[in-house]
Amino acid sequence: MLILTLALLLLSENYSKYFITTCRTRGLNSGRFFPISTADTCRRPINCPINLLLVSRRIQGPLPFDTVPNCLRTLLRTVFGGELIMASSLYFILPALGGYTLTSLYLLKNPQILHKKKRAAFHCTHISHRGGSGERIESTMEAFTHAVEQGTGMLELDCHLTRDGHVVVSHDENLLRQTGHDVTISSLNLEELPLQKDRLEVTFYAGHYSTGTDRKFTLLEEVFRKFPKMPVNIEIKEDNSLLMEKVSNMVKQYDRENLTVWATVDSTIMKKCRRTNSTMPYSFSMRRGLQLLLLYYSGLLPFVPLGESFLQFYLPRIINRTYIPEERLLKNRMVIYLIEKLTMKKSLFKHLANRGIQVHLFVCNEDPDIEAAFEAGATGVMTDYPTLLTDYLHRHRSQD
């Protein structure tokens, strides 16, 4: 449709306003033309060779296909396989396309017309990644306590299951990075878990390290017990039904289903999490995030209901600067540039926010990145440095 519209625009520059029709050869000599009116184009078939009949307001009668510029002729033949679309079809297709586009744009800005806004139990602008792994040893009770004291609005954490069935807060299943021991949480009982290193590099801030007095892995239940009113974002990294059930049961036990968010990049795991507990809010998986972008760029997003309550995504500008990815693809500057151009759309984020879907960008560990995230339309920012983000928010609130 885009190419056809371009073709019509090119024609209009040279011939004013013309109408295009397709003619198939039905035993007639090549090169024959028939006088044709605009009305004829719509109501009666034409038997002639494949020719472009152009009827102008100022040029009476048809113009042969040979008069069309060569580049345009080649374009049209390539697109339509040697045949041009009936002008009568354009009378329906182009207005329909225009109407669809205008309706989509209007509903993108006014989603409340079709969708009831989600009402979350909390709205957070300050999220502490792994409890604030830049200021304390990650995922420890000391880190979570410090983040809450700094005024964080949400704790982000990951969970794994020990061999004896305890839900432990840890980003990694394999403990080599965090402890120096090449063992997995699932292979150990709770009392066998080693202490974390006393100095740990911040994953999303290369070359920077955190320290702390608390190096012990904490239990999810201890976090729930100490911070009963604090929203918690739980990422499930492994396809473990028992882990999901234990997390769900714990959430119910502490009456915090509206304060605890399911999160995972894997769509299969997310489906199982939702089956385990469908009352908890949940975030977009990777696949659902890609579908969201396709809906946005096709114009279908305003018409489609969304079950997710949170969109959590990398701030692309941190990649290869403060965060050094292991994936080779993400080391390519052009790839990162394209990701940024395709995903950082303020109109998309505003549409989601107007539907009650919170947008969290991570992991922002410098003031310019925090500012860039909010400028892009994020409703919240995830950081390893809760004190830094708190200071930023205080400064900008005072300026406002």
Protein backbone atom coordinates (compact mmCIF):
# COMPACT_ATOMS: atom_id res chain seq x y z
CA MET A 1 0.00 0.00 0.00
CA LEU A 2 2.88 2.35 0.77
CA ILE A 3 4.48 1.67 -2.62
CA LEU A 4 1.17 2.14 -4.43
CA THR A 5 0.60 5.46 -2.69
CA LEU A 6 4.11 6.56 -3.64
CA ALA A 7 3.43 5.63 -7.24
CA LEU A 8 0.24 7.70 -7.28
CA LEU A 9 2.08 10.67 -5.80
CA LEU A 10 4.78 10.44 -8.44
CA LEU A 11 2.17 10.30 -11.16
CA SER A 12 0.33 13.29 -9.79
CA GLU A 13 3.48 15.40 -10.02
CA ASN A 14 3.75 14.82 -13.78
CA TYR A 15 0.16 14.33 -14.95
CA SER A 16 -2.02 16.08 -12.37
CA LYS A 17 -4.74 13.72 -11.07
CA TYR A 18 -5.03 10.40 -12.88
CA PHE A 19 -6.87 7.16 -12.43
CA ILE A 20 -5.21 3.80 -12.96
CA THR A 21 -6.88 0.73 -14.37
CA THR A 22 -5.76 -2.76 -15.30
CA CYS A 23 -6.56 -4.32 -18.60
CA ARG A 24 -5.98 -7.94 -19.52
CA THR A 25 -5.42 -9.11 -23.07
CA ARG A 26 -8.40 -11.00 -24.42
CA GLY A 27 -7.48 -11.72 -28.02
CA LEU A 28 -7.06 -8.09 -29.03
CA ASN A 29 -4.13 -6.60 -30.89
CA SER A 30 -1.35 -5.11 -28.80
CA GLY A 31 -1.27 -1.36 -28.49
CA ARG A 32 -5.01 -0.72 -28.96
CA PHE A 33 -6.62 1.89 -26.77
CA PHE A 34 -10.23 2.64 -26.01
CA PRO A 35 -11.60 6.02 -24.95
CA ILE A 36 -12.54 5.76 -21.33
CA SER A 37 -14.27 8.03 -18.86
CA THR A 38 -14.01 8.11 -15.10
CA ALA A 39 -17.46 6.58 -14.84
CA ASP A 40 -16.49 3.79 -17.26
CA THR A 41 -13.56 2.90 -15.08
CA CYS A 42 -15.91 2.03 -12.25
CA ARG A 43 -18.81 0.34 -14.05
CA ARG A 44 -17.70 -1.67 -17.09
CA PRO A 45 -14.79 -4.01 -17.88
CA ILE A 46 -12.21 -3.06 -20.46
CA ASN A 47 -10.80 -5.60 -22.92
CA CYS A 48 -7.35 -4.48 -23.96
CA PRO A 49 -3.68 -5.33 -23.46
CA ILE A 50 -1.96 -4.49 -20.20
CA ASN A 51 -1.73 -0.75 -20.43
CA LEU A 52 -1.82 2.13 -18.03
CA LEU A 53 -4.77 4.37 -18.90
CA LEU A 54 -4.36 7.77 -17.36
CA VAL A 55 -7.23 10.17 -17.44
CA SER A 56 -6.33 13.72 -16.51
CA ARG A 57 -8.55 16.64 -15.74
CA ARG A 58 -6.58 18.65 -18.23
CA ILE A 59 -5.58 15.89 -20.71
CA GLN A 60 -8.58 14.21 -22.28
CA GLY A 61 -8.35 10.56 -23.21
CA PRO A 62 -6.03 7.78 -22.16
CA LEU A 63 -2.26 8.02 -22.05
CA PRO A 64 -0.28 4.94 -23.12
CA PHE A 65 1.81 3.07 -20.57
CA ASP A 66 4.93 4.10 -22.52
CA THR A 67 4.46 7.72 -21.41
CA VAL A 68 4.99 6.78 -17.77
CA PRO A 69 8.56 7.38 -16.52
CA ASN A 70 10.73 4.25 -16.81
CA CYS A 71 11.56 4.09 -13.11
CA LEU A 72 7.88 4.22 -12.16
CA ARG A 73 6.96 1.69 -14.85
CA THR A 74 9.54 -0.74 -13.45
CA LEU A 75 8.31 -0.16 -9.91
CA LEU A 76 4.69 -0.84 -10.78
CA ARG A 77 5.49 -3.93 -12.83
CA THR A 78 7.67 -5.30 -10.04
CA VAL A 79 5.02 -4.76 -7.38
CA PHE A 80 2.03 -5.98 -9.36
CA GLY A 81 3.71 -8.59 -11.58
CA GLY A 82 2.99 -6.66 -14.77
CA GLU A 83 -0.58 -5.69 -13.88
CA LEU A 84 -1.85 -2.55 -12.24
CA ILE A 85 -4.65 -2.47 -9.76
CA MET A 86 -8.13 -1.36 -10.79
CA ALA A 87 -8.79 2.29 -10.08
CA SER A 88 -12.17 1.37 -8.64
CA SER A 89 -10.40 -0.61 -5.92
CA LEU A 90 -8.43 2.45 -4.94
CA TYR A 91 -11.66 4.31 -4.23
CA PHE A 92 -12.23 1.87 -1.37
CA ILE A 93 -8.71 0.95 -0.29
CA LEU A 94 -7.22 4.42 0.11
CA PRO A 95 -10.13 5.94 2.11
CA ALA A 96 -10.27 2.80 4.26
CA LEU A 97 -6.55 3.01 4.93
CA GLY A 98 -6.81 6.70 5.76
CA GLY A 99 -9.77 6.12 8.05
CA TYR A 100 -7.99 3.28 9.83
CA THR A 101 -4.87 5.38 10.33
CA LEU A 102 -6.76 8.37 11.73
CA THR A 103 -8.84 6.16 14.03
CA SER A 104 -5.75 4.33 15.28
CA LEU A 105 -3.90 7.59 16.01
CA TYR A 106 -6.91 9.04 17.82
CA LEU A 107 -7.37 5.94 19.98
CA LEU A 108 -3.63 5.78 20.66
CA LYS A 109 -3.96 9.16 22.36
CA ASN A 110 -7.34 8.37 23.91
CA PRO A 111 -7.27 4.69 24.96
CA GLN A 112 -9.92 5.23 27.63
CA ILE A 113 -12.54 5.13 24.87
CA LEU A 114 -12.03 1.38 24.40
CA HIS A 115 -10.19 0.27 27.53
CA LYS A 116 -10.82 0.73 31.22
CA LYS A 117 -7.69 2.04 32.93
CA LYS A 118 -5.98 -0.46 35.21
CA ARG A 119 -6.04 0.50 38.86
CA ALA A 120 -2.87 -0.75 40.53
CA ALA A 121 -2.46 -0.88 44.29
CA PHE A 122 0.76 1.08 43.94
CA HIS A 123 2.60 3.38 41.56
CA CYS A 124 6.37 3.56 41.85
CA THR A 125 8.98 5.79 40.26
CA HIS A 126 11.87 4.38 42.33
CA ILE A 127 12.76 0.69 41.97
CA SER A 128 15.82 -0.87 43.63
CA HIS A 129 17.47 -3.49 41.42
CA ARG A 130 18.48 -6.53 43.51
CA GLY A 131 17.81 -4.33 46.52
CA GLY A 132 20.32 -1.72 45.34
CA SER A 133 23.35 -3.81 44.46
CA GLY A 134 25.60 -0.79 43.99
CA GLU A 135 25.40 0.37 47.61
CA ARG A 136 25.22 -2.95 49.46
CA ILE A 137 25.91 -6.61 48.61
CA GLU A 138 23.07 -7.59 46.29
CA SER A 139 19.97 -9.46 47.46
CA THR A 140 20.88 -9.33 51.15
CA MET A 141 18.64 -8.13 53.95
CA GLU A 142 21.07 -5.26 54.49
CA ALA A 143 20.57 -4.17 50.87
CA PHE A 144 16.77 -4.33 51.05
CA THR A 145 16.70 -2.46 54.36
CA HIS A 146 19.00 0.26 53.04
CA ALA A 147 16.87 0.69 49.89
CA VAL A 148 13.69 1.06 51.93
CA GLU A 149 15.39 3.60 54.19
CA GLN A 150 16.34 5.60 51.08
CA GLY A 151 12.69 5.77 50.05
CA THR A 152 12.47 3.17 47.30
CA GLY A 153 9.01 2.38 45.99
CA MET A 154 9.68 -1.22 44.96
CA LEU A 155 12.20 -3.99 45.59
CA GLU A 156 13.29 -6.02 42.58
CA LEU A 157 14.63 -9.52 43.23
CA ASP A 158 15.05 -13.04 41.83
CA CYS A 159 14.26 -16.36 43.48
CA HIS A 160 15.57 -19.91 43.41
CA LEU A 161 14.76 -23.10 45.30
CA THR A 162 17.22 -24.95 47.53
CA ARG A 163 17.43 -28.73 47.63
CA ASP A 164 15.44 -28.80 50.88
CA GLY A 165 12.69 -26.56 49.44
CA HIS A 166 13.49 -23.04 50.70
CA VAL A 167 12.86 -20.02 48.45
CA VAL A 168 16.14 -18.09 48.42
CA VAL A 169 16.65 -14.59 47.03
CA SER A 170 19.49 -14.68 44.51
CA HIS A 171 19.99 -13.49 40.95
CA ASP A 172 22.08 -16.49 39.90
CA GLU A 173 21.30 -20.17 40.25
CA ASN A 174 25.01 -20.94 39.94
CA LEU A 175 26.89 -19.21 42.76
CA LEU A 176 30.32 -18.85 41.14
CA ARG A 177 30.01 -15.11 40.43
CA GLN A 178 28.56 -14.24 43.82
CA THR A 179 30.50 -16.58 46.11
CA GLY A 180 33.47 -17.95 44.17
CA HIS A 181 32.10 -21.49 44.56
CA ASP A 182 30.98 -23.33 41.43
CA VAL A 183 27.81 -24.81 42.94
CA THR A 184 24.09 -24.37 42.32
CA ILE A 185 21.44 -23.36 44.83
CA SER A 186 19.28 -26.33 43.88
CA SER A 187 22.10 -28.73 44.79
CA LEU A 188 22.49 -27.39 48.33
CA ASN A 189 20.41 -27.30 51.48
CA LEU A 190 19.77 -23.89 53.03
CA GLU A 191 22.45 -24.23 55.72
CA GLU A 192 25.01 -25.25 53.09
CA LEU A 193 24.79 -22.02 51.10
CA PRO A 194 28.14 -20.18 51.15
CA LEU A 195 28.47 -16.50 51.99
CA GLN A 196 28.70 -13.99 49.17
CA LYS A 197 31.98 -12.26 48.39
CA ASP A 198 32.83 -9.27 50.57
CA ARG A 199 33.37 -7.21 47.41
CA LEU A 200 31.08 -7.78 44.44
CA GLU A 201 31.16 -6.12 41.01
CA VAL A 202 27.95 -4.35 40.02
CA THR A 203 26.61 -6.16 36.93
CA PHE A 204 25.13 -3.04 35.36
CA TYR A 205 28.01 -0.72 36.26
CA ALA A 206 31.20 -2.27 34.96
CA GLY A 207 34.29 -1.57 37.06
CA HIS A 208 32.30 -0.57 40.15
CA TYR A 209 32.03 -2.72 43.27
CA SER A 210 29.76 -2.92 46.29
CA THR A 211 30.60 -3.93 49.84
CA GLY A 212 28.64 -4.57 53.02
CA THR A 213 28.64 -6.27 56.37
CA ASP A 214 25.82 -8.66 55.43
CA ARG A 215 26.86 -11.38 52.98
CA LYS A 216 24.22 -13.97 53.81
CA PHE A 217 21.57 -15.07 51.30
CA THR A 218 18.13 -14.13 52.55
CA LEU A 219 14.82 -15.93 52.23
CA LEU A 220 11.87 -14.48 50.33
CA GLU A 221 9.71 -15.05 53.40
CA GLU A 222 12.03 -12.87 55.47
CA VAL A 223 11.60 -10.04 52.96
CA PHE A 224 7.81 -10.39 53.07
CA ARG A 225 7.82 -10.50 56.85
CA LYS A 226 10.02 -7.42 57.30
CA PHE A 227 8.42 -5.28 54.58
CA PRO A 228 4.73 -6.26 54.53
CA LYS A 229 3.58 -3.13 52.64
CA MET A 230 6.48 -2.83 50.20
CA PRO A 231 5.78 -3.76 46.55
CA VAL A 232 8.09 -6.53 45.35
CA ASN A 233 8.90 -7.49 41.78
CA ILE A 234 9.84 -11.20 41.64
CA GLU A 235 11.60 -12.54 38.57
CA ILE A 236 11.31 -16.28 38.02
CA LYS A 237 14.22 -17.45 35.88
CA GLU A 238 13.71 -21.21 35.87
CA ASP A 239 10.83 -23.39 34.72
CA ASN A 240 10.17 -24.84 38.16
CA SER A 241 6.52 -25.43 39.05
CA LEU A 242 7.34 -26.11 42.71
CA LEU A 243 9.12 -22.76 42.99
CA MET A 244 6.14 -20.96 41.47
CA GLU A 245 3.73 -22.71 43.84
CA LYS A 246 5.82 -21.87 46.90
CA VAL A 247 6.10 -18.22 45.87
CA SER A 248 2.36 -18.04 45.21
CA ASN A 249 1.47 -19.68 48.53
CA MET A 250 3.77 -17.30 50.37
CA VAL A 251 2.22 -14.30 48.62
CA LYS A 252 -1.24 -15.49 49.69
CA GLN A 253 -0.06 -16.25 53.22
CA TYR A 254 1.17 -12.69 53.70
CA ASP A 255 -1.86 -11.18 51.94
CA ARG A 256 0.15 -9.30 49.33
CA GLU A 257 -1.21 -10.48 45.99
CA ASN A 258 -1.79 -6.87 44.92
CA LEU A 259 1.74 -5.88 45.97
CA THR A 260 3.74 -8.66 44.31
CA VAL A 261 4.51 -8.78 40.59
CA TRP A 262 5.28 -11.82 38.45
CA ALA A 263 8.21 -11.08 36.13
CA THR A 264 10.16 -13.19 33.64
CA VAL A 265 11.54 -12.87 30.12
CA ASP A 266 10.32 -16.36 29.19
CA SER A 267 6.73 -16.50 27.94
CA THR A 268 6.34 -20.20 28.84
CA ILE A 269 7.37 -19.53 32.43
CA MET A 270 5.03 -16.53 32.58
CA LYS A 271 2.08 -18.65 31.47
CA LYS A 272 2.82 -21.11 34.27
CA CYS A 273 3.18 -18.30 36.81
CA ARG A 274 -0.19 -16.93 35.80
CA ARG A 275 -1.81 -20.36 36.00
CA THR A 276 -0.33 -20.75 39.47
CA ASN A 277 -1.67 -17.38 40.64
CA SER A 278 -3.77 -15.33 38.24
CA THR A 279 -4.60 -12.56 40.72
CA MET A 280 -1.05 -11.21 40.91
CA PRO A 281 -0.16 -8.44 38.43
CA TYR A 282 2.45 -9.39 35.86
CA SER A 283 4.87 -7.85 33.38
CA PHE A 284 5.52 -8.36 29.68
CA SER A 285 7.69 -11.33 28.73
CA MET A 286 10.18 -10.96 25.88
CA ARG A 287 7.80 -12.45 23.32
CA ARG A 288 4.91 -10.33 24.50
CA GLY A 289 7.14 -7.27 24.34
CA LEU A 290 7.91 -7.98 20.69
CA GLN A 291 4.21 -8.47 20.02
CA LEU A 292 3.58 -5.12 21.69
CA LEU A 293 5.96 -3.42 19.26
CA LEU A 294 4.32 -5.11 16.27
CA LEU A 295 0.90 -3.97 17.45
CA TYR A 296 2.21 -0.44 17.93
CA TYR A 297 3.80 -0.11 14.49
CA SER A 298 0.87 -1.76 12.70
CA GLY A 299 -1.60 0.60 14.38
CA LEU A 300 -3.49 -2.26 16.04
CA LEU A 301 -2.38 -1.56 19.62
CA PRO A 302 -5.27 0.79 20.53
CA PHE A 303 -7.77 -1.93 19.59
CA VAL A 304 -6.16 -4.83 21.50
CA PRO A 305 -6.71 -5.55 25.23
CA LEU A 306 -3.57 -6.04 27.34
CA GLY A 307 -3.43 -8.16 30.48
CA GLU A 308 0.00 -7.00 31.63
CA SER A 309 0.36 -4.25 34.23
CA PHE A 310 4.09 -3.56 33.81
CA LEU A 311 6.56 -3.11 30.96
CA GLN A 312 10.15 -3.49 32.14
CA PHE A 313 12.89 -2.94 29.59
CA TYR A 314 16.56 -2.02 29.18
CA LEU A 315 17.39 1.60 28.61
CA PRO A 316 19.36 0.99 25.38
CA ARG A 317 21.87 3.79 25.94
CA ILE A 318 23.46 1.97 28.90
CA ILE A 319 24.43 -1.05 26.78
CA ASN A 320 28.17 -1.22 26.09
CA ARG A 321 28.72 1.76 28.37
CA THR A 322 27.73 1.03 31.96
CA TYR A 323 26.47 -2.45 31.10
CA ILE A 324 28.67 -4.77 29.03
CA PRO A 325 26.51 -7.62 27.66
CA GLU A 326 27.78 -11.13 27.01
CA GLU A 327 25.69 -11.51 23.85
CA ARG A 328 27.75 -10.73 20.75
CA LEU A 329 24.74 -9.27 18.95
CA LEU A 330 24.35 -6.56 21.60
CA LYS A 331 27.96 -5.48 21.13
CA ASN A 332 27.10 -4.13 17.68
CA ARG A 333 26.52 -0.36 17.75
CA MET A 334 24.09 -0.45 14.86
CA VAL A 335 21.97 -3.07 16.63
CA ILE A 336 21.79 -0.93 19.76
CA TYR A 337 20.95 2.14 17.67
CA LEU A 338 18.07 0.30 15.99
CA ILE A 339 16.81 -1.06 19.31
CA GLU A 340 16.78 2.46 20.74
CA LYS A 341 14.98 3.94 17.74
CA LEU A 342 12.38 1.17 17.68
CA THR A 343 11.64 0.92 21.40
CA MET A 344 12.09 4.35 22.97
CA LYS A 345 8.80 5.78 21.72
CA LYS A 346 7.22 8.36 23.98
CA SER A 347 3.83 7.92 22.29
CA LEU A 348 3.95 4.18 23.07
CA PHE A 349 4.89 4.70 26.71
CA LYS A 350 2.27 7.42 27.14
CA HIS A 351 -0.39 5.15 25.64
CA LEU A 352 0.53 2.38 28.08
CA ALA A 353 0.55 4.80 31.02
CA ASN A 354 -2.90 6.07 30.01
CA ARG A 355 -4.08 2.46 30.14
CA GLY A 356 -2.66 2.06 33.64
CA ILE A 357 0.40 0.05 32.56
CA GLN A 358 3.56 1.20 34.33
CA VAL A 359 6.77 1.49 32.29
CA HIS A 360 10.03 0.76 34.12
CA LEU A 361 13.38 1.30 32.38
CA PHE A 362 16.56 -0.22 33.80
CA VAL A 363 19.27 -0.23 35.00
CA CYS A 364 20.08 3.47 35.37
CA ASN A 365 23.14 4.16 37.52
CA GLU A 366 24.06 7.68 36.42
CA ASP A 367 22.09 10.94 36.46
CA PRO A 368 22.07 11.35 32.64
CA ASP A 369 20.62 7.85 32.25
CA ILE A 370 17.94 8.49 34.85
CA GLU A 371 17.03 11.72 33.10
CA ALA A 372 16.98 9.99 29.69
CA ALA A 373 14.64 7.30 31.02
CA PHE A 374 12.11 9.79 32.33
CA GLU A 375 12.43 11.89 29.18
CA ALA A 376 11.59 8.80 27.13
CA GLY A 377 8.33 8.47 29.03
CA ALA A 378 9.15 5.95 31.75
CA THR A 379 6.88 6.03 34.78
CA GLY A 380 9.60 4.46 36.91
CA VAL A 381 13.34 3.84 36.91
CA MET A 382 15.23 0.84 38.23
CA THR A 383 18.67 1.45 39.72
CA ASP A 384 21.50 -0.22 41.62
CA TYR A 385 22.00 3.03 43.53
CA PRO A 386 18.84 3.90 45.51
CA THR A 387 20.49 6.91 47.16
CA LEU A 388 21.43 8.34 43.75
CA LEU A 389 17.89 7.98 42.41
CA THR A 390 16.36 9.41 45.58
CA ASP A 391 18.61 12.48 45.35
CA TYR A 392 17.73 12.91 41.67
CA LEU A 393 13.99 12.76 42.37
CA HIS A 394 14.29 15.21 45.26
CA ARG A 395 16.23 17.71 43.13
CA HIS A 396 13.77 17.59 40.27
CA ARG A 397 10.70 17.74 42.49
CA SER A 398 12.08 20.88 44.13
CA GLN A 399 12.73 22.37 40.69
CA ASP A 400 9.18 21.60 39.60
